[in-house]
All heavy atoms as atom14 arrays in JSON, in Angstrom:
{
  "sequence": "GIMPVLKLSYGTLPSRVKQCFAYCCLFPKDWEFN",
  "atom14_mask": [
    [1, 1, 1, 1, 0, 0, 0, 0, 0, 0, 0, 0, 0, 0],
    [1, 1, 1, 1, 1, 1, 1, 1, 0, 0, 0, 0, 0, 0],
    [1, 1, 1, 1, 1, 1, 1, 1, 0, 0, 0, 0, 0, 0],
    [1, 1, 1, 1, 1, 1, 1, 0, 0, 0, 0, 0, 0, 0],
    [1, 1, 1, 1, 1, 1, 1, 0, 0, 0, 0, 0, 0, 0],
    [1, 1, 1, 1, 1, 1, 1, 1, 0, 0, 0, 0, 0, 0],
    [1, 1, 1, 1, 1, 1, 1, 1, 1, 0, 0, 0, 0, 0],
    [1, 1, 1, 1, 1, 1, 1, 1, 0, 0, 0, 0, 0, 0],
    [1, 1, 1, 1, 1, 1, 0, 0, 0, 0, 0, 0, 0, 0],
    [1, 1, 1, 1, 1, 1, 1, 1, 1, 1, 1, 1, 0, 0],
    [1, 1, 1, 1, 0, 0, 0, 0, 0, 0, 0, 0, 0, 0],
    [1, 1, 1, 1, 1, 1, 1, 0, 0, 0, 0, 0, 0, 0],
    [1, 1, 1, 1, 1, 1, 1, 1, 0, 0, 0, 0, 0, 0],
    [1, 1, 1, 1, 1, 1, 1, 0, 0, 0, 0, 0, 0, 0],
    [1, 1, 1, 1, 1, 1, 0, 0, 0, 0, 0, 0, 0, 0],
    [1, 1, 1, 1, 1, 1, 1, 1, 1, 1, 1, 0, 0, 0],
    [1, 1, 1, 1, 1, 1, 1, 0, 0, 0, 0, 0, 0, 0],
    [1, 1, 1, 1, 1, 1, 1, 1, 1, 0, 0, 0, 0, 0],
    [1, 1, 1, 1, 1, 1, 1, 1, 1, 0, 0, 0, 0, 0],
    [1, 1, 1, 1, 1, 1, 0, 0, 0, 0, 0, 0, 0, 0],
    [1, 1, 1, 1, 1, 1, 1, 1, 1, 1, 1, 0, 0, 0],
    [1, 1, 1, 1, 1, 0, 0, 0, 0, 0, 0, 0, 0, 0],
    [1, 1, 1, 1, 1, 1, 1, 1, 1, 1, 1, 1, 0, 0],
    [1, 1, 1, 1, 1, 1, 0, 0, 0, 0, 0, 0, 0, 0],
    [1, 1, 1, 1, 1, 1, 0, 0, 0, 0, 0, 0, 0, 0],
    [1, 1, 1, 1, 1, 1, 1, 1, 0, 0, 0, 0, 0, 0],
    [1, 1, 1, 1, 1, 1, 1, 1, 1, 1, 1, 0, 0, 0],
    [1, 1, 1, 1, 1, 1, 1, 0, 0, 0, 0, 0, 0, 0],
    [1, 1, 1, 1, 1, 1, 1, 1, 1, 0, 0, 0, 0, 0],
    [1, 1, 1, 1, 1, 1, 1, 1, 0, 0, 0, 0, 0, 0],
    [1, 1, 1, 1, 1, 1, 1, 1, 1, 1, 1, 1, 1, 1],
    [1, 1, 1, 1, 1, 1, 1, 1, 1, 0, 0, 0, 0, 0],
    [1, 1, 1, 1, 1, 1, 1, 1, 1, 1, 1, 0, 0, 0],
    [1, 1, 1, 1, 1, 1, 1, 1, 0, 0, 0, 0, 0, 0]
  ],
  "atom14_positions": [
    [[16.29, 58.51, 25.73], [15.65, 58.04, 26.8], [16.61, 57.2, 27.84], [16.22, 56.75, 28.88], [0.0, 0.0, 0.0], [0.0, 0.0, 0.0], [0.0, 0.0, 0.0], [0.0, 0.0, 0.0], [0.0, 0.0, 0.0], [0.0, 0.0, 0.0], [0.0, 0.0, 0.0], [0.0, 0.0, 0.0], [0.0, 0.0, 0.0], [0.0, 0.0, 0.0]],
    [[17.92, 57.17, 27.49], [18.85, 56.31, 28.19], [19.38, 57.04, 29.47], [19.7, 56.42, 30.5], [20.05, 56.01, 27.29], [20.99, 55.03, 28.12], [20.82, 57.14, 26.79], [20.51, 53.61, 28.34], [0.0, 0.0, 0.0], [0.0, 0.0, 0.0], [0.0, 0.0, 0.0], [0.0, 0.0, 0.0], [0.0, 0.0, 0.0], [0.0, 0.0, 0.0]],
    [[19.44, 58.4, 29.39], [20.05, 59.13, 30.48], [19.31, 58.97, 31.82], [20.01, 58.8, 32.86], [20.13, 60.6, 30.14], [21.2, 61.46, 30.9], [22.75, 60.77, 30.8], [23.24, 61.25, 29.21], [0.0, 0.0, 0.0], [0.0, 0.0, 0.0], [0.0, 0.0, 0.0], [0.0, 0.0, 0.0], [0.0, 0.0, 0.0], [0.0, 0.0, 0.0]],
    [[18.01, 58.86, 31.96], [17.37, 58.5, 33.27], [17.87, 57.26, 33.83], [18.08, 57.16, 35.07], [15.9, 58.53, 33.01], [15.87, 59.43, 31.77], [17.02, 59.18, 30.92], [0.0, 0.0, 0.0], [0.0, 0.0, 0.0], [0.0, 0.0, 0.0], [0.0, 0.0, 0.0], [0.0, 0.0, 0.0], [0.0, 0.0, 0.0], [0.0, 0.0, 0.0]],
    [[18.18, 56.2, 33.02], [18.62, 54.98, 33.52], [20.12, 55.15, 34.07], [20.33, 54.58, 35.09], [18.64, 53.95, 32.41], [19.18, 52.57, 32.96], [17.21, 53.76, 31.79], [0.0, 0.0, 0.0], [0.0, 0.0, 0.0], [0.0, 0.0, 0.0], [0.0, 0.0, 0.0], [0.0, 0.0, 0.0], [0.0, 0.0, 0.0], [0.0, 0.0, 0.0]],
    [[20.88, 55.82, 33.25], [22.32, 56.08, 33.73], [22.39, 56.89, 35.04], [23.14, 56.57, 35.94], [23.16, 56.8, 32.64], [23.1, 56.22, 31.29], [24.2, 56.99, 30.39], [23.58, 54.74, 31.4], [0.0, 0.0, 0.0], [0.0, 0.0, 0.0], [0.0, 0.0, 0.0], [0.0, 0.0, 0.0], [0.0, 0.0, 0.0], [0.0, 0.0, 0.0]],
    [[21.52, 57.82, 35.11], [21.48, 58.57, 36.34], [21.02, 57.93, 37.56], [21.42, 58.09, 38.73], [20.54, 59.9, 36.12], [21.11, 61.01, 35.28], [20.16, 62.23, 35.15], [20.8, 63.19, 34.12], [19.9, 64.26, 33.97], [0.0, 0.0, 0.0], [0.0, 0.0, 0.0], [0.0, 0.0, 0.0], [0.0, 0.0, 0.0], [0.0, 0.0, 0.0]],
    [[20.01, 56.86, 37.32], [19.6, 56.05, 38.43], [20.75, 55.25, 38.97], [20.84, 55.18, 40.13], [18.35, 55.26, 37.92], [17.7, 54.26, 38.98], [17.1, 55.07, 40.08], [16.77, 53.4, 38.21], [0.0, 0.0, 0.0], [0.0, 0.0, 0.0], [0.0, 0.0, 0.0], [0.0, 0.0, 0.0], [0.0, 0.0, 0.0], [0.0, 0.0, 0.0]],
    [[21.47, 54.67, 38.06], [22.63, 53.86, 38.43], [23.66, 54.69, 39.24], [24.27, 54.3, 40.2], [23.23, 53.23, 37.26], [22.34, 52.2, 36.71], [0.0, 0.0, 0.0], [0.0, 0.0, 0.0], [0.0, 0.0, 0.0], [0.0, 0.0, 0.0], [0.0, 0.0, 0.0], [0.0, 0.0, 0.0], [0.0, 0.0, 0.0], [0.0, 0.0, 0.0]],
    [[24.0, 55.91, 38.55], [24.92, 56.83, 39.32], [24.51, 57.15, 40.69], [25.33, 57.18, 41.5], [25.0, 58.08, 38.37], [25.81, 59.18, 39.08], [27.15, 59.18, 39.04], [25.04, 60.26, 39.64], [27.87, 60.29, 39.67], [25.79, 61.24, 40.22], [27.08, 61.32, 40.3], [27.88, 62.29, 40.89], [0.0, 0.0, 0.0], [0.0, 0.0, 0.0]],
    [[23.24, 57.4, 40.81], [22.68, 57.71, 42.16], [22.95, 56.66, 43.19], [22.85, 57.06, 44.51], [0.0, 0.0, 0.0], [0.0, 0.0, 0.0], [0.0, 0.0, 0.0], [0.0, 0.0, 0.0], [0.0, 0.0, 0.0], [0.0, 0.0, 0.0], [0.0, 0.0, 0.0], [0.0, 0.0, 0.0], [0.0, 0.0, 0.0], [0.0, 0.0, 0.0]],
    [[23.2, 55.47, 42.87], [23.48, 54.38, 43.79], [24.96, 54.33, 44.3], [25.16, 53.5, 45.18], [22.99, 53.05, 43.32], [23.76, 52.65, 42.21], [21.46, 53.11, 42.91], [0.0, 0.0, 0.0], [0.0, 0.0, 0.0], [0.0, 0.0, 0.0], [0.0, 0.0, 0.0], [0.0, 0.0, 0.0], [0.0, 0.0, 0.0], [0.0, 0.0, 0.0]],
    [[25.85, 54.97, 43.51], [27.24, 54.94, 43.81], [27.56, 55.62, 45.16], [26.89, 56.6, 45.63], [28.01, 55.55, 42.76], [28.05, 55.01, 41.24], [28.7, 55.87, 40.35], [28.48, 53.57, 41.3], [0.0, 0.0, 0.0], [0.0, 0.0, 0.0], [0.0, 0.0, 0.0], [0.0, 0.0, 0.0], [0.0, 0.0, 0.0], [0.0, 0.0, 0.0]],
    [[28.5, 55.19, 45.9], [29.09, 55.9, 47.14], [29.5, 57.18, 46.72], [29.98, 57.39, 45.52], [30.23, 55.02, 47.63], [29.89, 53.62, 47.05], [29.25, 53.8, 45.72], [0.0, 0.0, 0.0], [0.0, 0.0, 0.0], [0.0, 0.0, 0.0], [0.0, 0.0, 0.0], [0.0, 0.0, 0.0], [0.0, 0.0, 0.0], [0.0, 0.0, 0.0]],
    [[29.39, 58.13, 47.61], [29.73, 59.57, 47.28], [31.19, 59.8, 46.76], [31.42, 60.53, 45.79], [29.47, 60.48, 48.42], [30.32, 60.17, 49.59], [0.0, 0.0, 0.0], [0.0, 0.0, 0.0], [0.0, 0.0, 0.0], [0.0, 0.0, 0.0], [0.0, 0.0, 0.0], [0.0, 0.0, 0.0], [0.0, 0.0, 0.0], [0.0, 0.0, 0.0]],
    [[32.11, 59.13, 47.37], [33.51, 59.23, 46.95], [33.75, 58.64, 45.53], [34.57, 59.12, 44.79], [34.5, 58.58, 48.06], [34.52, 59.43, 49.25], [35.43, 58.88, 50.24], [35.53, 59.64, 51.51], [35.96, 59.33, 52.68], [36.55, 58.05, 52.87], [36.07, 60.13, 53.68], [0.0, 0.0, 0.0], [0.0, 0.0, 0.0], [0.0, 0.0, 0.0]],
    [[33.02, 57.59, 45.22], [33.1, 56.9, 43.96], [32.52, 57.86, 42.92], [33.0, 57.94, 41.8], [32.43, 55.52, 43.93], [32.59, 54.84, 42.59], [33.19, 54.63, 44.97], [0.0, 0.0, 0.0], [0.0, 0.0, 0.0], [0.0, 0.0, 0.0], [0.0, 0.0, 0.0], [0.0, 0.0, 0.0], [0.0, 0.0, 0.0], [0.0, 0.0, 0.0]],
    [[31.35, 58.51, 43.29], [30.77, 59.48, 42.36], [31.86, 60.59, 41.94], [31.83, 60.99, 40.81], [29.58, 60.14, 43.1], [28.35, 59.25, 43.19], [27.21, 60.08, 43.91], [25.97, 59.29, 44.06], [24.93, 60.01, 44.64], [0.0, 0.0, 0.0], [0.0, 0.0, 0.0], [0.0, 0.0, 0.0], [0.0, 0.0, 0.0], [0.0, 0.0, 0.0]],
    [[32.59, 61.05, 42.99], [33.59, 62.07, 42.6], [34.75, 61.63, 41.71], [35.02, 62.33, 40.71], [34.2, 62.48, 44.06], [34.93, 63.9, 43.99], [35.38, 64.12, 45.32], [35.77, 63.38, 46.2], [35.63, 65.5, 45.59], [0.0, 0.0, 0.0], [0.0, 0.0, 0.0], [0.0, 0.0, 0.0], [0.0, 0.0, 0.0], [0.0, 0.0, 0.0]],
    [[35.07, 60.3, 41.85], [36.11, 59.77, 40.96], [35.5, 59.54, 39.51], [36.21, 59.77, 38.56], [36.54, 58.41, 41.49], [37.52, 58.46, 43.06], [0.0, 0.0, 0.0], [0.0, 0.0, 0.0], [0.0, 0.0, 0.0], [0.0, 0.0, 0.0], [0.0, 0.0, 0.0], [0.0, 0.0, 0.0], [0.0, 0.0, 0.0], [0.0, 0.0, 0.0]],
    [[34.18, 59.16, 39.44], [33.5, 59.03, 38.13], [33.51, 60.28, 37.45], [33.77, 60.41, 36.21], [32.21, 58.42, 38.31], [31.38, 58.45, 37.1], [31.62, 57.71, 36.02], [30.28, 59.39, 37.07], [30.79, 57.71, 34.85], [29.46, 59.34, 35.9], [29.83, 58.59, 34.81], [0.0, 0.0, 0.0], [0.0, 0.0, 0.0], [0.0, 0.0, 0.0]],
    [[33.07, 61.38, 38.12], [32.87, 62.69, 37.49], [34.14, 63.29, 36.94], [34.16, 63.84, 35.89], [32.27, 63.73, 38.38], [0.0, 0.0, 0.0], [0.0, 0.0, 0.0], [0.0, 0.0, 0.0], [0.0, 0.0, 0.0], [0.0, 0.0, 0.0], [0.0, 0.0, 0.0], [0.0, 0.0, 0.0], [0.0, 0.0, 0.0], [0.0, 0.0, 0.0]],
    [[35.31, 62.92, 37.62], [36.59, 63.44, 37.22], [36.86, 62.85, 35.62], [37.64, 63.43, 34.97], [37.62, 62.98, 38.31], [38.99, 63.29, 37.86], [39.56, 64.65, 38.15], [39.95, 62.4, 37.38], [40.89, 64.87, 37.85], [41.17, 62.77, 36.99], [41.69, 63.95, 37.31], [42.89, 64.26, 37.03], [0.0, 0.0, 0.0], [0.0, 0.0, 0.0]],
    [[36.41, 61.7, 35.39], [36.76, 61.15, 34.11], [36.26, 61.9, 32.89], [36.72, 61.75, 31.77], [36.18, 59.68, 34.02], [36.92, 58.58, 35.3], [0.0, 0.0, 0.0], [0.0, 0.0, 0.0], [0.0, 0.0, 0.0], [0.0, 0.0, 0.0], [0.0, 0.0, 0.0], [0.0, 0.0, 0.0], [0.0, 0.0, 0.0], [0.0, 0.0, 0.0]],
    [[35.3, 62.87, 33.09], [34.82, 63.72, 32.0], [35.91, 64.54, 31.53], [35.7, 65.18, 30.38], [33.65, 64.46, 32.41], [33.99, 65.87, 33.48], [0.0, 0.0, 0.0], [0.0, 0.0, 0.0], [0.0, 0.0, 0.0], [0.0, 0.0, 0.0], [0.0, 0.0, 0.0], [0.0, 0.0, 0.0], [0.0, 0.0, 0.0], [0.0, 0.0, 0.0]],
    [[36.94, 64.83, 32.19], [38.05, 65.63, 31.66], [38.84, 65.08, 30.48], [39.52, 65.8, 29.75], [39.13, 65.86, 32.87], [38.77, 66.9, 33.87], [39.71, 66.82, 35.07], [38.73, 68.28, 33.27], [0.0, 0.0, 0.0], [0.0, 0.0, 0.0], [0.0, 0.0, 0.0], [0.0, 0.0, 0.0], [0.0, 0.0, 0.0], [0.0, 0.0, 0.0]],
    [[38.62, 63.82, 30.36], [39.3, 63.07, 29.19], [38.4, 63.08, 28.07], [37.14, 62.99, 28.12], [39.7, 61.65, 29.6], [40.83, 61.63, 30.78], [40.29, 61.68, 32.09], [42.08, 61.56, 30.51], [41.21, 61.7, 33.13], [43.03, 61.52, 31.5], [42.54, 61.63, 32.88], [0.0, 0.0, 0.0], [0.0, 0.0, 0.0], [0.0, 0.0, 0.0]],
    [[38.82, 63.02, 26.8], [38.03, 63.06, 25.55], [37.21, 61.85, 25.47], [37.54, 60.77, 26.0], [39.04, 63.24, 24.39], [40.38, 63.61, 25.09], [40.35, 63.14, 26.46], [0.0, 0.0, 0.0], [0.0, 0.0, 0.0], [0.0, 0.0, 0.0], [0.0, 0.0, 0.0], [0.0, 0.0, 0.0], [0.0, 0.0, 0.0], [0.0, 0.0, 0.0]],
    [[36.16, 61.86, 24.72], [35.41, 60.65, 24.35], [36.3, 59.69, 23.66], [37.14, 60.06, 22.81], [34.16, 60.93, 23.54], [33.11, 61.7, 24.21], [31.85, 62.0, 23.44], [30.79, 62.7, 24.27], [29.46, 62.86, 23.47], [0.0, 0.0, 0.0], [0.0, 0.0, 0.0], [0.0, 0.0, 0.0], [0.0, 0.0, 0.0], [0.0, 0.0, 0.0]],
    [[36.0, 58.36, 23.91], [36.77, 57.31, 23.39], [38.12, 57.17, 23.9], [39.04, 56.46, 23.29], [36.73, 57.2, 21.81], [37.03, 55.81, 21.18], [36.48, 54.91, 21.57], [37.93, 55.85, 20.33], [0.0, 0.0, 0.0], [0.0, 0.0, 0.0], [0.0, 0.0, 0.0], [0.0, 0.0, 0.0], [0.0, 0.0, 0.0], [0.0, 0.0, 0.0]],
    [[38.45, 57.93, 24.99], [39.84, 57.84, 25.52], [40.06, 56.46, 26.12], [39.22, 55.83, 26.73], [39.87, 58.9, 26.6], [41.3, 59.05, 27.2], [41.73, 58.48, 28.39], [42.37, 59.75, 26.71], [43.08, 58.84, 28.63], [43.45, 59.56, 27.54], [42.63, 60.49, 25.58], [44.76, 60.12, 27.43], [43.92, 61.08, 25.37], [44.92, 60.99, 26.31]],
    [[41.31, 55.95, 25.83], [41.58, 54.61, 26.43], [42.37, 55.04, 27.79], [43.63, 55.41, 27.85], [42.7, 53.89, 25.54], [42.91, 52.41, 26.08], [43.43, 51.52, 25.01], [44.59, 51.92, 24.45], [43.01, 50.48, 24.87], [0.0, 0.0, 0.0], [0.0, 0.0, 0.0], [0.0, 0.0, 0.0], [0.0, 0.0, 0.0], [0.0, 0.0, 0.0]],
    [[41.79, 54.76, 28.91], [42.27, 55.05, 30.22], [43.26, 54.0, 30.56], [43.06, 52.86, 30.33], [41.22, 55.2, 31.31], [40.27, 56.22, 31.11], [39.18, 56.19, 30.31], [40.4, 57.46, 31.91], [38.23, 57.29, 30.15], [39.43, 58.45, 31.84], [38.39, 58.28, 30.97], [0.0, 0.0, 0.0], [0.0, 0.0, 0.0], [0.0, 0.0, 0.0]],
    [[44.32, 54.4, 31.34], [45.24, 53.5, 32.02], [44.79, 53.5, 33.45], [44.63, 54.42, 34.17], [46.71, 53.92, 31.85], [47.67, 53.0, 32.7], [47.71, 53.06, 33.79], [48.37, 52.25, 31.87], [0.0, 0.0, 0.0], [0.0, 0.0, 0.0], [0.0, 0.0, 0.0], [0.0, 0.0, 0.0], [0.0, 0.0, 0.0], [0.0, 0.0, 0.0]]
  ]
}
């Protein structure tokens, strides 16, 4: 039941920030981003 909450928060992001967020899925889970 957590995904609707995450999607609600995602929906409030500016469009360009949404694009940057979606790009992060290219990295594996538990990846330590620089």
